[in-house]
N, C-alpha and C. Protein backbone atom coordinates (compact mmCIF):
# COMPACT_ATOMS: atom_id res chain seq x y z
N MET A 1 0.84 -1.18 0.00
CA MET A 1 0.00 0.00 0.00
C MET A 1 0.88 1.24 0.00
N PRO A 2 0.65 2.14 -0.94
CA PRO A 2 1.41 3.40 -0.93
C PRO A 2 1.08 4.24 0.31
N GLU A 3 2.04 5.02 0.74
CA GLU A 3 1.83 5.93 1.86
C GLU A 3 1.30 7.26 1.35
N ALA A 4 0.68 8.02 2.26
CA ALA A 4 0.22 9.37 1.94
C ALA A 4 1.45 10.23 1.70
N PRO A 5 1.36 11.32 0.97
CA PRO A 5 0.16 11.98 0.49
C PRO A 5 -0.46 11.26 -0.71
N LEU A 6 -1.74 11.55 -0.92
CA LEU A 6 -2.48 10.94 -2.01
C LEU A 6 -2.17 11.65 -3.32
N PRO A 7 -2.14 10.91 -4.43
CA PRO A 7 -1.98 11.54 -5.74
C PRO A 7 -3.21 12.39 -6.08
N ASP A 8 -3.03 13.33 -6.98
CA ASP A 8 -4.11 14.25 -7.34
C ASP A 8 -5.35 13.53 -7.89
N ASP A 9 -5.18 12.45 -8.67
CA ASP A 9 -6.35 11.76 -9.21
C ASP A 9 -7.15 11.07 -8.10
N VAL A 10 -6.47 10.59 -7.07
CA VAL A 10 -7.17 9.98 -5.93
C VAL A 10 -7.89 11.07 -5.14
N ARG A 11 -7.25 12.21 -4.96
CA ARG A 11 -7.90 13.33 -4.27
C ARG A 11 -9.15 13.76 -5.02
N ALA A 12 -9.08 13.80 -6.35
CA ALA A 12 -10.26 14.18 -7.16
C ALA A 12 -11.37 13.15 -6.99
N PHE A 13 -11.02 11.88 -6.96
CA PHE A 13 -12.00 10.81 -6.73
C PHE A 13 -12.67 10.98 -5.37
N LEU A 14 -11.88 11.27 -4.34
CA LEU A 14 -12.41 11.40 -2.98
C LEU A 14 -13.24 12.66 -2.80
N ALA A 15 -13.13 13.61 -3.72
CA ALA A 15 -13.93 14.84 -3.63
C ALA A 15 -15.39 14.59 -3.99
N LYS A 16 -15.68 13.46 -4.63
CA LYS A 16 -17.06 13.12 -5.01
C LYS A 16 -17.82 12.54 -3.81
N PRO A 17 -19.13 12.65 -3.79
CA PRO A 17 -19.93 12.05 -2.70
C PRO A 17 -20.11 10.55 -2.89
N ASN A 18 -19.01 9.83 -2.78
CA ASN A 18 -19.00 8.38 -2.99
C ASN A 18 -19.59 7.64 -1.79
N PRO A 19 -20.20 6.48 -2.05
CA PRO A 19 -20.55 5.61 -0.94
C PRO A 19 -19.27 5.21 -0.21
N CYS A 20 -19.36 5.05 1.11
CA CYS A 20 -18.17 4.78 1.91
C CYS A 20 -18.52 3.85 3.06
N THR A 21 -17.57 2.97 3.39
CA THR A 21 -17.68 2.19 4.61
C THR A 21 -16.53 2.58 5.53
N MET A 22 -16.81 2.55 6.81
CA MET A 22 -15.82 2.86 7.85
C MET A 22 -15.69 1.63 8.74
N THR A 23 -14.46 1.18 8.94
CA THR A 23 -14.22 0.04 9.81
C THR A 23 -13.48 0.50 11.06
N THR A 24 -14.04 0.13 12.21
CA THR A 24 -13.43 0.40 13.51
C THR A 24 -13.13 -0.94 14.17
N LEU A 25 -12.49 -0.87 15.33
CA LEU A 25 -12.14 -2.10 16.05
C LEU A 25 -12.82 -2.15 17.41
N ARG A 26 -13.49 -3.27 17.67
CA ARG A 26 -14.05 -3.50 18.99
C ARG A 26 -12.93 -3.72 20.00
N LYS A 27 -13.30 -3.72 21.27
CA LYS A 27 -12.32 -3.93 22.35
C LYS A 27 -11.54 -5.23 22.17
N ASP A 28 -12.20 -6.27 21.65
CA ASP A 28 -11.53 -7.56 21.47
C ASP A 28 -10.78 -7.66 20.14
N GLY A 29 -10.74 -6.55 19.37
CA GLY A 29 -10.03 -6.52 18.10
C GLY A 29 -10.86 -6.90 16.89
N THR A 30 -12.10 -7.28 17.10
CA THR A 30 -12.97 -7.63 15.99
C THR A 30 -13.30 -6.39 15.17
N PRO A 31 -13.13 -6.44 13.84
CA PRO A 31 -13.48 -5.28 13.02
C PRO A 31 -14.99 -5.16 12.86
N VAL A 32 -15.46 -3.91 12.81
CA VAL A 32 -16.88 -3.60 12.60
C VAL A 32 -16.94 -2.57 11.48
N SER A 33 -17.71 -2.86 10.44
CA SER A 33 -17.79 -1.98 9.29
C SER A 33 -19.21 -1.44 9.13
N VAL A 34 -19.32 -0.12 8.91
CA VAL A 34 -20.62 0.52 8.72
C VAL A 34 -20.53 1.54 7.59
N ALA A 35 -21.66 1.82 6.98
CA ALA A 35 -21.72 2.85 5.95
C ALA A 35 -21.61 4.23 6.61
N THR A 36 -20.99 5.17 5.91
CA THR A 36 -20.83 6.51 6.47
C THR A 36 -20.66 7.53 5.36
N TRP A 37 -20.86 8.78 5.71
CA TRP A 37 -20.51 9.90 4.84
C TRP A 37 -19.13 10.38 5.24
N TYR A 38 -18.43 10.99 4.31
CA TYR A 38 -17.09 11.53 4.58
C TYR A 38 -16.86 12.78 3.73
N LEU A 39 -15.90 13.56 4.13
CA LEU A 39 -15.34 14.65 3.31
C LEU A 39 -13.83 14.55 3.38
N HIS A 40 -13.20 14.62 2.25
CA HIS A 40 -11.73 14.63 2.18
C HIS A 40 -11.26 16.07 2.06
N GLU A 41 -10.24 16.44 2.81
CA GLU A 41 -9.64 17.76 2.73
C GLU A 41 -8.13 17.62 2.90
N VAL A 42 -7.40 18.57 2.35
CA VAL A 42 -5.96 18.63 2.57
C VAL A 42 -5.73 19.78 3.54
N VAL A 43 -5.14 19.45 4.69
CA VAL A 43 -4.89 20.42 5.76
C VAL A 43 -3.39 20.44 6.02
N ASP A 44 -2.77 21.58 5.78
CA ASP A 44 -1.32 21.71 5.97
C ASP A 44 -0.55 20.61 5.25
N GLY A 45 -1.00 20.28 4.04
CA GLY A 45 -0.34 19.27 3.22
C GLY A 45 -0.70 17.83 3.53
N ALA A 46 -1.46 17.60 4.61
CA ALA A 46 -1.84 16.24 5.00
C ALA A 46 -3.25 15.92 4.51
N ASP A 47 -3.44 14.70 4.05
CA ASP A 47 -4.77 14.24 3.64
C ASP A 47 -5.57 13.89 4.89
N LYS A 48 -6.70 14.57 5.06
CA LYS A 48 -7.57 14.38 6.22
C LYS A 48 -8.96 13.97 5.75
N VAL A 49 -9.65 13.25 6.60
CA VAL A 49 -11.02 12.84 6.33
C VAL A 49 -11.88 13.26 7.51
N LEU A 50 -12.96 13.98 7.20
CA LEU A 50 -13.94 14.37 8.21
C LEU A 50 -15.04 13.32 8.24
N LEU A 51 -15.34 12.82 9.43
CA LEU A 51 -16.44 11.90 9.67
C LEU A 51 -17.30 12.51 10.77
N ASN A 52 -18.58 12.19 10.78
CA ASN A 52 -19.46 12.73 11.81
C ASN A 52 -20.37 11.59 12.27
N MET A 53 -20.54 11.47 13.59
CA MET A 53 -21.27 10.33 14.13
C MET A 53 -22.26 10.78 15.20
N ASP A 54 -23.38 10.09 15.25
CA ASP A 54 -24.32 10.27 16.34
C ASP A 54 -23.61 9.83 17.62
N LEU A 55 -23.66 10.64 18.64
CA LEU A 55 -22.93 10.36 19.89
C LEU A 55 -23.32 9.02 20.52
N SER A 56 -24.53 8.54 20.25
CA SER A 56 -24.98 7.29 20.85
C SER A 56 -24.42 6.05 20.15
N ARG A 57 -23.79 6.21 19.01
CA ARG A 57 -23.28 5.06 18.25
C ARG A 57 -22.05 4.46 18.91
N VAL A 58 -21.95 3.14 18.86
CA VAL A 58 -20.84 2.44 19.50
C VAL A 58 -19.51 2.75 18.82
N ARG A 59 -19.53 3.10 17.54
CA ARG A 59 -18.26 3.39 16.88
C ARG A 59 -17.57 4.62 17.45
N VAL A 60 -18.32 5.50 18.12
CA VAL A 60 -17.68 6.63 18.81
C VAL A 60 -16.78 6.08 19.92
N LYS A 61 -17.29 5.12 20.67
CA LYS A 61 -16.47 4.48 21.72
C LYS A 61 -15.27 3.77 21.11
N HIS A 62 -15.50 3.11 19.99
CA HIS A 62 -14.40 2.38 19.34
C HIS A 62 -13.25 3.32 18.98
N VAL A 63 -13.55 4.45 18.33
CA VAL A 63 -12.46 5.33 17.87
C VAL A 63 -11.82 6.10 19.02
N ARG A 64 -12.56 6.31 20.10
CA ARG A 64 -11.95 6.95 21.26
C ARG A 64 -10.97 6.01 21.95
N ARG A 65 -11.27 4.72 21.92
CA ARG A 65 -10.39 3.73 22.55
C ARG A 65 -9.23 3.35 21.63
N ASP A 66 -9.52 3.18 20.35
CA ASP A 66 -8.50 2.77 19.37
C ASP A 66 -8.71 3.59 18.10
N PRO A 67 -7.85 4.55 17.82
CA PRO A 67 -8.08 5.48 16.72
C PRO A 67 -7.81 4.93 15.32
N ARG A 68 -7.40 3.67 15.22
CA ARG A 68 -7.13 3.11 13.89
C ARG A 68 -8.43 2.79 13.17
N ILE A 69 -8.54 3.25 11.92
CA ILE A 69 -9.73 2.97 11.12
C ILE A 69 -9.32 2.63 9.70
N ALA A 70 -10.25 2.05 8.97
CA ALA A 70 -10.11 1.84 7.53
C ALA A 70 -11.37 2.39 6.88
N LEU A 71 -11.19 3.01 5.74
CA LEU A 71 -12.31 3.54 4.97
C LEU A 71 -12.21 3.01 3.54
N THR A 72 -13.33 2.65 2.95
CA THR A 72 -13.37 2.29 1.54
C THR A 72 -14.43 3.11 0.86
N MET A 73 -14.00 3.85 -0.17
CA MET A 73 -14.89 4.68 -0.97
C MET A 73 -15.10 3.99 -2.31
N LEU A 74 -16.37 3.78 -2.66
CA LEU A 74 -16.74 3.10 -3.90
C LEU A 74 -17.26 4.11 -4.90
N ASP A 75 -16.79 4.03 -6.14
CA ASP A 75 -17.33 4.90 -7.18
C ASP A 75 -18.79 4.54 -7.38
N GLU A 76 -19.68 5.52 -7.25
CA GLU A 76 -21.11 5.22 -7.32
C GLU A 76 -21.53 4.67 -8.68
N ALA A 77 -20.79 4.98 -9.74
CA ALA A 77 -21.14 4.50 -11.07
C ALA A 77 -20.46 3.16 -11.40
N ASP A 78 -19.41 2.79 -10.66
CA ASP A 78 -18.65 1.59 -10.97
C ASP A 78 -17.98 1.10 -9.68
N TRP A 79 -18.66 0.25 -8.91
CA TRP A 79 -18.15 -0.19 -7.62
C TRP A 79 -16.86 -0.99 -7.72
N TYR A 80 -16.52 -1.43 -8.92
CA TYR A 80 -15.23 -2.08 -9.12
C TYR A 80 -14.10 -1.08 -8.86
N THR A 81 -14.38 0.19 -9.13
CA THR A 81 -13.42 1.26 -8.85
C THR A 81 -13.62 1.72 -7.42
N HIS A 82 -12.57 1.60 -6.63
CA HIS A 82 -12.66 2.03 -5.24
C HIS A 82 -11.28 2.42 -4.71
N VAL A 83 -11.30 3.17 -3.61
CA VAL A 83 -10.09 3.55 -2.90
C VAL A 83 -10.28 3.16 -1.44
N SER A 84 -9.30 2.49 -0.87
CA SER A 84 -9.32 2.15 0.55
C SER A 84 -8.23 2.94 1.26
N LEU A 85 -8.55 3.47 2.41
CA LEU A 85 -7.63 4.27 3.19
C LEU A 85 -7.39 3.62 4.55
N ILE A 86 -6.15 3.61 4.98
CA ILE A 86 -5.80 3.28 6.36
C ILE A 86 -5.54 4.63 7.02
N ALA A 87 -6.23 4.91 8.11
CA ALA A 87 -6.13 6.23 8.72
C ALA A 87 -6.17 6.11 10.24
N ARG A 88 -5.89 7.22 10.87
CA ARG A 88 -5.89 7.30 12.33
C ARG A 88 -6.67 8.54 12.73
N ILE A 89 -7.63 8.35 13.65
CA ILE A 89 -8.41 9.47 14.17
C ILE A 89 -7.49 10.32 15.05
N ASP A 90 -7.38 11.59 14.70
CA ASP A 90 -6.55 12.53 15.46
C ASP A 90 -7.35 13.26 16.53
N GLU A 91 -8.62 13.45 16.24
CA GLU A 91 -9.42 14.33 17.10
C GLU A 91 -10.89 13.94 17.00
N VAL A 92 -11.56 13.90 18.13
CA VAL A 92 -13.01 13.72 18.19
C VAL A 92 -13.54 14.91 18.99
N VAL A 93 -14.41 15.70 18.36
CA VAL A 93 -14.94 16.90 19.00
C VAL A 93 -16.45 16.95 18.86
N ASP A 94 -17.09 17.60 19.81
CA ASP A 94 -18.54 17.79 19.73
C ASP A 94 -18.89 18.66 18.53
N ASP A 95 -20.06 18.42 17.96
CA ASP A 95 -20.60 19.22 16.85
C ASP A 95 -21.95 19.79 17.30
N PRO A 96 -21.93 20.68 18.33
CA PRO A 96 -23.18 21.13 18.95
C PRO A 96 -24.10 21.91 18.01
N ASP A 97 -23.55 22.63 17.07
CA ASP A 97 -24.36 23.41 16.13
C ASP A 97 -24.65 22.64 14.84
N LEU A 98 -24.20 21.38 14.79
CA LEU A 98 -24.39 20.49 13.63
C LEU A 98 -23.73 21.05 12.36
N THR A 99 -22.70 21.82 12.54
CA THR A 99 -21.99 22.44 11.42
C THR A 99 -21.37 21.39 10.51
N ASP A 100 -20.68 20.42 11.09
CA ASP A 100 -20.01 19.42 10.27
C ASP A 100 -20.97 18.44 9.64
N ILE A 101 -21.99 17.99 10.36
CA ILE A 101 -22.95 17.07 9.75
C ILE A 101 -23.73 17.78 8.65
N ASP A 102 -23.96 19.08 8.80
CA ASP A 102 -24.61 19.84 7.73
C ASP A 102 -23.71 19.93 6.50
N ARG A 103 -22.40 20.08 6.69
CA ARG A 103 -21.47 20.07 5.55
C ARG A 103 -21.55 18.75 4.81
N LEU A 104 -21.58 17.66 5.57
CA LEU A 104 -21.67 16.34 4.95
C LEU A 104 -23.01 16.15 4.24
N ALA A 105 -24.10 16.55 4.89
CA ALA A 105 -25.42 16.41 4.28
C ALA A 105 -25.54 17.24 3.00
N GLN A 106 -24.97 18.44 3.01
CA GLN A 106 -24.97 19.26 1.80
C GLN A 106 -24.21 18.56 0.68
N HIS A 107 -23.08 17.96 1.02
CA HIS A 107 -22.24 17.27 0.04
C HIS A 107 -22.97 16.07 -0.57
N TYR A 108 -23.69 15.32 0.26
CA TYR A 108 -24.36 14.10 -0.20
C TYR A 108 -25.81 14.31 -0.64
N ARG A 109 -26.52 15.23 -0.01
CA ARG A 109 -27.95 15.37 -0.26
C ARG A 109 -28.39 16.75 -0.74
N GLY A 110 -27.48 17.75 -0.63
CA GLY A 110 -27.82 19.09 -1.07
C GLY A 110 -28.72 19.85 -0.11
N GLN A 111 -28.77 19.42 1.15
CA GLN A 111 -29.60 20.09 2.17
C GLN A 111 -29.01 19.83 3.55
N GLU A 112 -29.47 20.60 4.54
CA GLU A 112 -28.94 20.38 5.88
C GLU A 112 -29.45 19.06 6.45
N TYR A 113 -28.76 18.58 7.46
CA TYR A 113 -29.10 17.31 8.08
C TYR A 113 -30.45 17.41 8.76
N PRO A 114 -31.37 16.46 8.52
CA PRO A 114 -32.73 16.61 9.03
C PRO A 114 -32.91 16.41 10.54
N ASN A 115 -32.12 15.53 11.16
CA ASN A 115 -32.29 15.26 12.59
C ASN A 115 -31.52 16.31 13.39
N ARG A 116 -32.23 17.25 13.98
CA ARG A 116 -31.61 18.35 14.70
C ARG A 116 -31.58 18.09 16.21
N GLU A 117 -31.99 16.90 16.65
CA GLU A 117 -32.10 16.60 18.08
C GLU A 117 -30.95 15.78 18.65
N SER A 118 -30.44 14.82 17.89
CA SER A 118 -29.43 13.91 18.42
C SER A 118 -28.06 14.58 18.49
N PRO A 119 -27.38 14.48 19.63
CA PRO A 119 -26.02 15.04 19.73
C PRO A 119 -25.07 14.31 18.79
N ARG A 120 -24.14 15.06 18.20
CA ARG A 120 -23.21 14.51 17.22
C ARG A 120 -21.78 14.90 17.56
N VAL A 121 -20.85 14.09 17.08
CA VAL A 121 -19.43 14.40 17.21
C VAL A 121 -18.78 14.29 15.83
N SER A 122 -17.74 15.08 15.65
CA SER A 122 -16.95 15.04 14.43
C SER A 122 -15.61 14.39 14.75
N ALA A 123 -15.12 13.62 13.81
CA ALA A 123 -13.81 13.00 13.95
C ALA A 123 -12.98 13.35 12.72
N TRP A 124 -11.75 13.77 12.98
CA TRP A 124 -10.80 14.04 11.90
C TRP A 124 -9.76 12.93 11.89
N ALA A 125 -9.60 12.31 10.72
CA ALA A 125 -8.64 11.22 10.56
C ALA A 125 -7.56 11.65 9.57
N THR A 126 -6.33 11.26 9.87
CA THR A 126 -5.21 11.50 8.95
C THR A 126 -4.94 10.22 8.18
N VAL A 127 -4.87 10.34 6.86
CA VAL A 127 -4.60 9.19 6.00
C VAL A 127 -3.13 8.81 6.13
N GLU A 128 -2.89 7.52 6.37
CA GLU A 128 -1.51 7.01 6.46
C GLU A 128 -1.10 6.25 5.20
N ARG A 129 -2.00 5.37 4.72
CA ARG A 129 -1.73 4.57 3.53
C ARG A 129 -3.02 4.46 2.71
N TRP A 130 -2.87 4.05 1.46
CA TRP A 130 -4.04 3.92 0.59
C TRP A 130 -3.83 2.81 -0.43
N HIS A 131 -4.94 2.37 -1.00
CA HIS A 131 -4.92 1.37 -2.04
C HIS A 131 -6.08 1.67 -2.98
N GLY A 132 -5.83 1.59 -4.25
CA GLY A 132 -6.90 1.81 -5.23
C GLY A 132 -7.07 0.63 -6.15
N TRP A 133 -8.26 0.52 -6.73
CA TRP A 133 -8.55 -0.55 -7.65
C TRP A 133 -9.42 -0.02 -8.77
N GLY A 134 -9.50 -0.77 -9.87
CA GLY A 134 -10.26 -0.31 -11.03
C GLY A 134 -9.57 0.92 -11.62
N ALA A 135 -10.32 1.96 -11.90
CA ALA A 135 -9.76 3.19 -12.46
C ALA A 135 -8.81 3.89 -11.50
N MET A 136 -8.86 3.54 -10.23
CA MET A 136 -7.98 4.16 -9.22
C MET A 136 -6.82 3.25 -8.81
N LYS A 137 -6.55 2.21 -9.62
CA LYS A 137 -5.51 1.24 -9.26
C LYS A 137 -4.18 1.94 -9.02
N ASP A 138 -3.54 1.59 -7.87
CA ASP A 138 -2.27 2.21 -7.51
C ASP A 138 -1.09 1.53 -8.18
């Protein structure tokens, strides 16, 4: 797997609202994978991924205990084309005004997030390694 930084074509792919799965680790090391929204950004030259989670979800506990995650983004038009990221959560912060989940909802749905009641947290992950397949083959 190549190490970060990501090439420009991979960054362009990640800029799209692709379907994504996020894998976290349970206390016993068992991987757990769930669908999620993401945003890719370059911050001070580093490839970062913004994730946002309902505070009641168990994956919040997972990433607070063990920050290692894996993400796989699938091209919505061709699932054979995908990019997988190995990343580490650097920061988990409250999203009291729903600013980050609204950014994600705008990116994926073109509107603000509909559930305004459930507390949410944002997690920033730094990409360490990546792998591509199909049109994104590394």
